[in-house]
Amino acid sequence: MSRPGHSFGAQVLVTVGTAGFLNVLGLLTGVLAARLLGPAGRGELAAIQLWGAFFATLALVGLSEAVVFFASRSPGYARQYWISGTCFALITGLPVILLGFWALPWLLQAQSADVVTTARWYSLGLFVLFALSWMPLSAFRALQRVSEWNFLRILPNLGWLIVLGLGFILSGASPRVLAYGFLVAYAVMGASIFVLSIKKIPGPFLPKIDWWPSMVKYGLPLMFSSIPTYLIQNGRLSQLFLAAFLSPQALGLFAVAIAWANISRIVPQAIGQITFPRVASGVESSVQIHEIAKGLRLTVVSMVGVCGILLVTAPVAIPALFGKAFSPAVPAAMILVVAGGVAGLRMVLSSALRGLGKPKRVLVGEVVGLGVTTLGLVLLLGPFRLLGAAAAILVGDTIAMVLLLTFVTHAVNASSMTLLVPTVADLRALTLMFRKGVALIR
């Protein structure tokens, strides 16, 4: 597989294309899961996947991001960094998984015992798979080998599509069967990722224990920030509240609203993933400012267009795609689309701070955003239900974005206008990227 060019535009174009494909897959799998299980069953599956993925992600102790940061600065040791990160995560993550085993019956008190048991084992299996596959993917990202990284991260999603397809063919699939089926598919795809990474990523094979303290020092704030980040992103905190206090049907409707709004995250997610290693590898502050401003301006322009399209089409597209039973999700989905635009800026700002070596600032911003979102859920979920949950996400994303923007402007000594307001050159660059993308599709 050929390595793409190192230009920002080329890397973003490849990543946006992959993110678009992943979101199409996500939309397709969301439609399949909704039609296969119905609102109640879809809500049970969401509860299993949300809490299982939460504890599995938390157990990685932020080490995947530490691999990106350190391997960006020392590319010749990329393999040793991801092997070291994997070994350390497997050791230190087990107590977090055990905490999840203890806490899940309380966190999922509105769900059945079968859902709780499945979520427990799902979190354990997903943790092991994450530890084995996320670290090498982080090394690819650090080396800016964008084509390999994008190709490999598609594989688990393809596995999930296969599982849902088999569920339709065999008929009668339950949330439990689908959750365990995904783990099996992920294991097959994860093995492919691991083998290819061994061949492609340079550096010594044995882990280096001496690096663990510095990796933990960088990754620990990101682990704590991953809690609010995970909970805020994709409306997970609201879904967790719904899973705990409302019916599975309400959670199923909200999961569909989130699936529609998540389309707005395609471009900013890709930009943030490319911005992080480019800022981290920059030696001069002028280079870092240039990379950050470029990513933020491109995010602003793209969010205006994408969110506008999603708002206009939501009332027709959601019932057509997911079924008329999910029509009540439309108003919440429209609020979440706006929140997705704000969250896009927040994601790129967080990536910029990670690249600048300031993970503690990310932690502060995400904790504040989480606190505001939680307060909003407490106040709004009861009287306004789905609309209240969506509004709480919008307010939390906005507060977190403003705070992270303040941190970035102070860190690089540049004004928010300089970083955010698009120039004619930015519009030309976006137009050129769009033309290249269309040519590539053709």
Protein backbone atom coordinates (compact mmCIF):
# COMPACT_ATOMS: atom_id res chain seq x y z
CA MET A 1 0.00 0.00 0.00
CA SER A 2 1.43 3.33 -1.00
CA ARG A 3 2.09 5.99 1.47
CA PRO A 4 0.19 9.23 0.88
CA GLY A 5 1.74 12.65 0.52
CA HIS A 6 2.62 14.57 3.62
CA SER A 7 0.64 17.71 2.69
CA PHE A 8 -2.10 18.65 5.12
CA GLY A 9 -4.69 18.71 2.35
CA ALA A 10 -3.82 15.24 1.09
CA GLN A 11 -3.87 13.73 4.57
CA VAL A 12 -7.17 15.39 5.46
CA LEU A 13 -8.70 14.34 2.14
CA VAL A 14 -7.80 10.68 2.69
CA THR A 15 -8.98 10.79 6.30
CA VAL A 16 -12.22 12.61 5.48
CA GLY A 17 -12.91 10.02 2.79
CA THR A 18 -12.34 7.23 5.29
CA ALA A 19 -14.38 8.99 7.97
CA GLY A 20 -17.17 9.46 5.45
CA PHE A 21 -17.08 5.78 4.59
CA LEU A 22 -17.08 4.88 8.30
CA ASN A 23 -20.05 7.13 8.93
CA VAL A 24 -21.92 5.61 6.00
CA LEU A 25 -21.16 2.22 7.55
CA GLY A 26 -22.28 3.56 10.92
CA LEU A 27 -25.51 4.87 9.44
CA LEU A 28 -26.10 1.57 7.64
CA THR A 29 -25.41 -0.52 10.72
CA GLY A 30 -27.59 1.84 12.77
CA VAL A 31 -30.45 1.33 10.32
CA LEU A 32 -29.93 -2.45 10.32
CA ALA A 33 -29.80 -2.63 14.12
CA ALA A 34 -32.90 -0.44 14.49
CA ARG A 35 -34.94 -2.48 11.99
CA LEU A 36 -33.66 -5.80 13.36
CA LEU A 37 -34.32 -5.06 17.05
CA GLY A 38 -36.95 -2.31 17.16
CA PRO A 39 -36.80 0.66 19.59
CA ALA A 40 -36.65 -1.44 22.79
CA GLY A 41 -34.06 -3.95 21.55
CA ARG A 42 -32.01 -1.14 19.99
CA GLY A 43 -31.99 0.58 23.38
CA GLU A 44 -30.73 -2.59 25.11
CA LEU A 45 -27.94 -2.97 22.55
CA ALA A 46 -26.99 0.68 23.02
CA ALA A 47 -26.78 0.20 26.80
CA ILE A 48 -24.45 -2.80 26.38
CA GLN A 49 -22.18 -1.12 23.85
CA LEU A 50 -22.06 2.27 25.58
CA TRP A 51 -21.02 1.10 29.02
CA GLY A 52 -18.84 -1.72 27.71
CA ALA A 53 -16.90 0.64 25.45
CA PHE A 54 -16.68 3.23 28.24
CA PHE A 55 -14.82 0.98 30.67
CA ALA A 56 -12.72 -0.57 27.88
CA THR A 57 -11.60 2.89 26.72
CA LEU A 58 -10.93 4.11 30.26
CA ALA A 59 -8.78 1.05 30.97
CA LEU A 60 -6.26 2.10 28.30
CA VAL A 61 -5.05 4.88 30.64
CA GLY A 62 -4.66 7.33 27.71
CA LEU A 63 -1.70 5.32 26.42
CA SER A 64 -2.87 5.26 22.80
CA GLU A 65 -2.57 9.06 22.66
CA ALA A 66 0.80 8.87 24.40
CA VAL A 67 1.98 6.54 21.62
CA VAL A 68 0.96 9.13 19.02
CA PHE A 69 2.80 11.92 20.86
CA PHE A 70 6.09 10.14 21.57
CA ALA A 71 6.26 8.19 18.33
CA SER A 72 5.71 11.45 16.42
CA ARG A 73 8.87 12.79 18.05
CA SER A 74 10.91 9.57 17.72
CA PRO A 75 9.63 7.77 14.59
CA GLY A 76 12.44 5.20 14.66
CA TYR A 77 11.06 3.75 17.91
CA ALA A 78 7.39 3.70 16.90
CA ARG A 79 7.03 -0.08 17.24
CA GLN A 80 8.68 -0.11 20.64
CA TYR A 81 6.35 2.64 21.84
CA TRP A 82 3.20 0.79 20.81
CA ILE A 83 4.43 -2.53 22.19
CA SER A 84 5.31 -0.81 25.47
CA GLY A 85 1.90 0.88 25.55
CA THR A 86 0.05 -2.38 24.88
CA CYS A 87 1.89 -4.31 27.62
CA PHE A 88 1.37 -1.58 30.18
CA ALA A 89 -2.31 -1.16 29.31
CA LEU A 90 -3.00 -4.88 29.71
CA ILE A 91 -1.49 -4.74 33.20
CA THR A 92 -2.97 -1.50 34.51
CA GLY A 93 -6.37 -1.75 32.82
CA LEU A 94 -7.68 -4.83 34.65
CA PRO A 95 -8.58 -2.95 37.87
CA VAL A 96 -10.68 -0.55 35.77
CA ILE A 97 -12.51 -3.47 34.17
CA LEU A 98 -13.13 -4.99 37.62
CA LEU A 99 -14.53 -1.63 38.73
CA GLY A 100 -16.89 -1.85 35.78
CA PHE A 101 -18.01 -5.35 36.81
CA TRP A 102 -18.90 -3.98 40.23
CA ALA A 103 -20.58 -0.77 39.04
CA LEU A 104 -22.60 -1.95 36.04
CA PRO A 105 -25.57 -3.42 38.01
CA TRP A 106 -26.10 0.02 39.54
CA LEU A 107 -25.39 1.99 36.36
CA LEU A 108 -27.83 -0.15 34.36
CA GLN A 109 -30.50 -0.46 37.03
CA ALA A 110 -33.28 0.24 34.50
CA GLN A 111 -32.11 -2.68 32.31
CA SER A 112 -32.60 -6.43 32.62
CA ALA A 113 -30.11 -8.77 34.30
CA ASP A 114 -29.22 -10.23 30.90
CA VAL A 115 -28.21 -6.77 29.63
CA VAL A 116 -26.04 -6.18 32.70
CA THR A 117 -24.26 -9.54 32.38
CA THR A 118 -23.63 -9.03 28.66
CA ALA A 119 -22.28 -5.52 29.26
CA ARG A 120 -19.81 -6.89 31.83
CA TRP A 121 -18.26 -9.48 29.54
CA TYR A 122 -18.47 -7.17 26.56
CA SER A 123 -16.32 -4.59 28.38
CA LEU A 124 -13.66 -7.19 29.22
CA GLY A 125 -13.42 -8.54 25.69
CA LEU A 126 -13.41 -5.08 24.15
CA PHE A 127 -10.64 -3.93 26.51
CA VAL A 128 -8.28 -6.69 25.38
CA LEU A 129 -9.07 -6.04 21.72
CA PHE A 130 -8.59 -2.28 22.14
CA ALA A 131 -5.21 -2.77 23.83
CA LEU A 132 -3.98 -5.01 21.01
CA SER A 133 -5.29 -2.93 18.09
CA TRP A 134 -5.43 0.73 19.13
CA MET A 135 -1.72 1.06 19.98
CA PRO A 136 -0.40 -0.01 16.55
CA LEU A 137 -3.01 2.20 14.90
CA SER A 138 -1.68 5.08 17.01
CA ALA A 139 1.84 4.33 15.76
CA PHE A 140 0.65 4.50 12.14
CA ARG A 141 -0.98 7.83 12.89
CA ALA A 142 2.18 9.15 14.56
CA LEU A 143 4.25 8.21 11.51
CA GLN A 144 1.67 10.01 9.32
CA ARG A 145 1.20 6.80 7.33
CA VAL A 146 -2.33 7.89 6.70
CA SER A 147 -3.33 5.33 4.06
CA GLU A 148 -2.39 2.32 6.24
CA TRP A 149 -3.99 3.85 9.33
CA ASN A 150 -7.24 4.65 7.55
CA PHE A 151 -7.46 1.26 5.87
CA LEU A 152 -6.90 -0.70 9.07
CA ARG A 153 -9.34 1.26 11.22
CA ILE A 154 -12.14 0.37 8.81
CA LEU A 155 -11.86 -3.35 9.51
CA PRO A 156 -13.75 -3.57 12.86
CA ASN A 157 -16.67 -1.62 11.37
CA LEU A 158 -16.82 -4.02 8.44
CA GLY A 159 -16.92 -6.85 10.97
CA TRP A 160 -19.90 -5.23 12.69
CA LEU A 161 -21.70 -4.91 9.36
CA ILE A 162 -21.13 -8.62 8.69
CA VAL A 163 -22.52 -9.52 12.12
CA LEU A 164 -25.69 -7.49 11.55
CA GLY A 165 -26.08 -8.97 8.06
CA LEU A 166 -25.90 -12.46 9.51
CA GLY A 167 -28.46 -11.42 12.10
CA PHE A 168 -30.90 -10.57 9.32
CA ILE A 169 -30.18 -13.76 7.41
CA LEU A 170 -30.53 -16.03 10.43
CA SER A 171 -33.37 -13.94 11.94
CA GLY A 172 -34.20 -13.71 15.62
CA ALA A 173 -30.89 -12.11 16.72
CA SER A 174 -30.95 -10.60 20.22
CA PRO A 175 -28.87 -7.71 21.60
CA ARG A 176 -26.75 -10.26 23.50
CA VAL A 177 -25.99 -12.35 20.39
CA LEU A 178 -25.10 -9.24 18.38
CA ALA A 179 -22.79 -7.89 21.10
CA TYR A 180 -20.86 -11.16 21.40
CA GLY A 181 -20.84 -11.52 17.63
CA PHE A 182 -19.15 -8.15 17.33
CA LEU A 183 -16.40 -9.27 19.73
CA VAL A 184 -15.73 -12.32 17.57
CA ALA A 185 -15.60 -10.21 14.40
CA TYR A 186 -13.35 -7.63 16.09
CA ALA A 187 -10.97 -10.40 17.20
CA VAL A 188 -10.58 -11.58 13.61
CA MET A 189 -10.07 -8.06 12.28
CA GLY A 190 -7.81 -7.13 15.23
CA ALA A 191 -5.52 -10.05 14.47
CA SER A 192 -5.10 -8.70 10.93
CA ILE A 193 -4.26 -5.25 12.30
CA PHE A 194 -1.67 -6.69 14.69
CA VAL A 195 0.07 -8.81 12.04
CA LEU A 196 0.22 -6.02 9.46
CA SER A 197 1.50 -3.57 12.08
CA ILE A 198 4.39 -5.86 12.99
CA LYS A 199 5.47 -5.86 9.35
CA LYS A 200 4.98 -2.16 8.60
CA ILE A 201 6.02 -0.24 11.74
CA PRO A 202 9.77 0.17 12.37
CA GLY A 203 11.66 -0.15 15.63
CA PRO A 204 12.64 -2.74 18.26
CA PHE A 205 10.04 -5.32 19.22
CA LEU A 206 10.59 -5.70 22.97
CA PRO A 207 8.78 -3.28 25.34
CA LYS A 208 10.84 -0.70 27.21
CA ILE A 209 9.73 -0.44 30.82
CA ASP A 210 11.82 2.72 31.34
CA TRP A 211 9.39 4.59 29.08
CA TRP A 212 6.31 3.74 31.10
CA PRO A 213 6.61 6.65 33.60
CA SER A 214 6.86 9.29 30.85
CA MET A 215 4.06 7.67 28.86
CA VAL A 216 1.84 7.55 31.94
CA LYS A 217 2.72 11.15 32.83
CA TYR A 218 1.47 12.22 29.43
CA GLY A 219 -1.37 9.71 29.18
CA LEU A 220 -2.83 9.91 32.70
CA PRO A 221 -4.38 13.38 32.27
CA LEU A 222 -5.76 12.15 28.96
CA MET A 223 -7.20 9.09 30.71
CA PHE A 224 -9.05 11.34 33.13
CA SER A 225 -10.04 13.66 30.27
CA SER A 226 -11.19 10.62 28.29
CA ILE A 227 -13.94 10.14 30.85
CA PRO A 228 -15.67 13.46 30.11
CA THR A 229 -14.62 13.29 26.44
CA TYR A 230 -16.15 9.85 26.02
CA LEU A 231 -19.28 10.84 27.91
CA ILE A 232 -19.79 14.11 26.04
CA GLN A 233 -18.96 12.87 22.54
CA ASN A 234 -21.81 11.31 20.56
CA GLY A 235 -24.25 12.12 23.36
CA ARG A 236 -23.11 9.14 25.41
CA LEU A 237 -23.76 10.79 28.76
CA SER A 238 -27.35 11.50 27.78
CA GLN A 239 -27.76 7.94 26.55
CA LEU A 240 -26.35 6.63 29.81
CA PHE A 241 -28.87 8.74 31.74
CA LEU A 242 -31.63 7.42 29.51
CA ALA A 243 -30.40 3.85 30.02
CA ALA A 244 -30.48 4.31 33.78
CA PHE A 245 -33.76 6.20 34.22
CA LEU A 246 -35.96 5.92 31.12
CA SER A 247 -37.35 3.09 29.01
CA PRO A 248 -35.32 1.20 26.40
CA GLN A 249 -37.65 2.71 23.76
CA ALA A 250 -36.60 6.26 24.68
CA LEU A 251 -32.95 5.22 24.51
CA GLY A 252 -33.54 3.65 21.09
CA LEU A 253 -35.05 6.90 19.75
CA PHE A 254 -32.15 8.93 21.11
CA ALA A 255 -29.59 6.51 19.66
CA VAL A 256 -31.10 7.13 16.22
CA ALA A 257 -31.00 10.92 16.75
CA ILE A 258 -27.33 10.62 17.66
CA ALA A 259 -26.62 8.46 14.62
CA TRP A 260 -28.02 11.18 12.34
CA ALA A 261 -26.18 14.02 14.09
CA ASN A 262 -22.90 12.11 14.04
CA ILE A 263 -22.64 12.68 10.29
CA SER A 264 -21.58 16.26 11.11
CA ARG A 265 -18.48 14.92 12.90
CA ILE A 266 -16.89 13.35 9.82
CA VAL A 267 -14.76 16.30 8.75
CA PRO A 268 -13.68 17.71 12.17
CA GLN A 269 -12.81 14.26 13.48
CA ALA A 270 -10.56 13.71 10.47
CA ILE A 271 -8.99 17.16 10.81
CA GLY A 272 -8.29 16.64 14.51
CA GLN A 273 -6.70 13.24 13.91
CA ILE A 274 -4.34 14.74 11.33
CA THR A 275 -3.66 17.95 13.30
CA PHE A 276 -2.42 16.17 16.45
CA PRO A 277 0.71 14.48 15.03
CA ARG A 278 1.48 17.42 12.73
CA VAL A 279 1.50 19.86 15.66
CA ALA A 280 3.43 17.39 17.86
CA SER A 281 6.17 16.98 15.25
CA GLY A 282 6.50 20.74 14.66
CA VAL A 283 9.73 22.19 15.99
CA GLU A 284 8.95 25.89 15.72
CA SER A 285 5.96 27.68 17.23
CA SER A 286 5.18 29.38 13.91
CA VAL A 287 4.75 25.95 12.31
CA GLN A 288 2.45 24.82 15.11
CA ILE A 289 0.32 27.97 14.86
CA HIS A 290 0.04 27.46 11.11
CA GLU A 291 -1.12 23.84 11.50
CA ILE A 292 -3.63 24.70 14.24
CA ALA A 293 -5.12 27.67 12.37
CA LYS A 294 -5.39 25.66 9.17
CA GLY A 295 -7.29 22.88 10.92
CA LEU A 296 -9.66 25.18 12.80
CA ARG A 297 -10.54 27.36 9.79
CA LEU A 298 -11.25 24.33 7.65
CA THR A 299 -13.49 23.01 10.44
CA VAL A 300 -15.48 26.25 10.62
CA VAL A 301 -16.17 26.31 6.87
CA SER A 302 -17.10 22.64 6.63
CA MET A 303 -19.37 22.70 9.68
CA VAL A 304 -21.50 25.53 8.30
CA GLY A 305 -22.22 23.58 5.12
CA VAL A 306 -22.63 20.09 6.57
CA CYS A 307 -24.82 21.09 9.53
CA GLY A 308 -27.06 23.16 7.25
CA ILE A 309 -27.71 20.18 4.99
CA LEU A 310 -28.41 17.84 7.93
CA LEU A 311 -30.88 20.27 9.50
CA VAL A 312 -32.88 20.66 6.31
CA THR A 313 -33.05 16.95 5.47
CA ALA A 314 -33.60 15.47 8.97
CA PRO A 315 -37.46 15.55 9.00
CA VAL A 316 -37.62 13.47 5.82
CA ALA A 317 -34.46 11.36 6.01
CA ILE A 318 -34.78 9.94 9.54
CA PRO A 319 -38.24 8.29 9.09
CA ALA A 320 -37.25 7.12 5.61
CA LEU A 321 -33.99 5.50 6.76
CA PHE A 322 -34.82 4.18 10.23
CA GLY A 323 -38.57 3.66 9.93
CA LYS A 324 -41.64 5.68 10.88
CA ALA A 325 -41.42 4.41 14.46
CA PHE A 326 -38.36 6.67 14.89
CA SER A 327 -40.07 9.91 13.74
CA PRO A 328 -40.20 11.27 17.34
CA ALA A 329 -36.37 11.40 17.24
CA VAL A 330 -36.35 14.22 14.63
CA PRO A 331 -36.54 17.32 16.92
CA ALA A 332 -33.76 16.00 19.19
CA ALA A 333 -31.68 15.11 16.14
CA MET A 334 -31.88 18.69 14.84
CA ILE A 335 -30.61 20.11 18.14
CA LEU A 336 -27.83 17.52 18.16
CA VAL A 337 -26.76 18.52 14.64
CA VAL A 338 -26.05 22.04 15.91
CA ALA A 339 -24.23 20.55 18.90
CA GLY A 340 -22.19 18.47 16.46
CA GLY A 341 -20.91 21.60 14.74
CA VAL A 342 -19.74 23.04 18.07
CA ALA A 343 -18.27 19.67 19.09
CA GLY A 344 -16.31 19.60 15.83
CA LEU A 345 -14.39 22.71 16.87
CA ARG A 346 -13.91 21.24 20.34
CA MET A 347 -12.36 18.08 18.90
CA VAL A 348 -9.83 20.00 16.79
CA LEU A 349 -8.94 22.26 19.73
CA SER A 350 -8.34 19.21 21.94
CA SER A 351 -6.09 17.69 19.28
CA ALA A 352 -4.13 20.94 19.06
CA LEU A 353 -3.53 20.97 22.83
CA ARG A 354 -2.43 17.31 22.75
CA GLY A 355 0.04 18.14 20.00
CA LEU A 356 1.35 21.08 22.03
CA GLY A 357 2.07 18.68 24.91
CA LYS A 358 -0.62 20.14 27.18
CA PRO A 359 -2.93 17.23 28.04
CA LYS A 360 -3.87 18.77 31.40
CA ARG A 361 -5.56 21.67 29.59
CA VAL A 362 -7.62 19.12 27.67
CA LEU A 363 -8.61 17.53 30.98
CA VAL A 364 -9.79 20.86 32.44
CA GLY A 365 -11.85 21.76 29.39
CA GLU A 366 -13.51 18.37 29.13
CA VAL A 367 -14.28 18.17 32.87
CA VAL A 368 -15.97 21.57 32.77
CA GLY A 369 -17.96 20.53 29.71
CA LEU A 370 -18.98 17.29 31.42
CA GLY A 371 -20.09 19.16 34.54
CA VAL A 372 -22.26 21.55 32.53
CA THR A 373 -23.78 18.70 30.52
CA THR A 374 -24.53 16.69 33.68
CA LEU A 375 -26.19 19.67 35.32
CA GLY A 376 -28.24 20.23 32.20
CA LEU A 377 -29.37 16.60 32.18
CA VAL A 378 -30.40 16.76 35.83
CA LEU A 379 -32.46 19.88 35.18
CA LEU A 380 -33.86 19.16 31.72
CA LEU A 381 -34.18 15.38 31.27
CA GLY A 382 -37.23 14.98 33.51
CA PRO A 383 -39.47 17.73 32.11
CA PHE A 384 -38.27 17.71 28.47
CA ARG A 385 -37.00 14.13 28.01
CA LEU A 386 -35.25 13.74 24.62
CA LEU A 387 -35.23 17.47 23.84
CA GLY A 388 -33.81 18.21 27.29
CA ALA A 389 -31.03 15.67 26.78
CA ALA A 390 -30.14 17.18 23.40
CA ALA A 391 -30.14 20.73 24.81
CA ALA A 392 -27.86 19.68 27.66
CA ILE A 393 -25.36 18.31 25.13
CA LEU A 394 -25.42 21.55 23.12
CA VAL A 395 -24.75 23.74 26.17
CA GLY A 396 -21.97 21.45 27.47
CA ASP A 397 -20.23 21.32 24.08
CA THR A 398 -20.38 25.10 23.76
CA ILE A 399 -18.85 25.79 27.18
CA ALA A 400 -16.08 23.22 26.64
CA MET A 401 -15.29 24.59 23.18
CA VAL A 402 -14.97 28.19 24.43
CA LEU A 403 -12.69 27.15 27.29
CA LEU A 404 -10.44 25.03 25.04
CA LEU A 405 -10.22 27.89 22.55
CA THR A 406 -9.02 30.16 25.35
CA PHE A 407 -6.32 27.64 26.29
CA VAL A 408 -5.11 27.32 22.69
CA THR A 409 -4.96 31.08 22.07
CA HIS A 410 -2.89 31.56 25.23
CA ALA A 411 -0.61 28.62 24.43
CA VAL A 412 0.31 29.85 20.93
CA ASN A 413 -0.10 33.58 21.65
CA ALA A 414 -2.57 34.10 18.81
CA SER A 415 -6.04 35.65 18.74
CA SER A 416 -9.20 33.62 18.27
CA MET A 417 -9.94 35.61 15.11
CA THR A 418 -6.60 34.53 13.63
CA LEU A 419 -7.31 30.90 14.40
CA LEU A 420 -10.99 30.72 13.46
CA VAL A 421 -11.86 33.21 10.72
CA PRO A 422 -11.38 31.62 7.28
CA THR A 423 -9.37 33.45 4.64
CA VAL A 424 -9.69 33.42 0.86
CA ALA A 425 -6.76 30.99 0.77
CA ASP A 426 -8.63 28.63 3.11
CA LEU A 427 -11.70 28.67 0.85
CA ARG A 428 -9.52 27.99 -2.17
CA ALA A 429 -7.82 25.10 -0.38
CA LEU A 430 -11.21 23.65 0.58
CA THR A 431 -12.45 23.99 -2.99
CA LEU A 432 -9.33 22.25 -4.28
CA MET A 433 -9.78 19.43 -1.77
CA PHE A 434 -13.41 19.04 -2.83
CA ARG A 435 -12.42 18.83 -6.50
CA LYS A 436 -9.75 16.26 -5.73
CA GLY A 437 -12.25 14.25 -3.72
CA VAL A 438 -14.76 14.28 -6.58
CA ALA A 439 -12.03 13.30 -9.05
CA LEU A 440 -10.96 10.47 -6.75
CA ILE A 441 -14.53 9.16 -6.51
CA ARG A 442 -14.87 9.28 -10.30
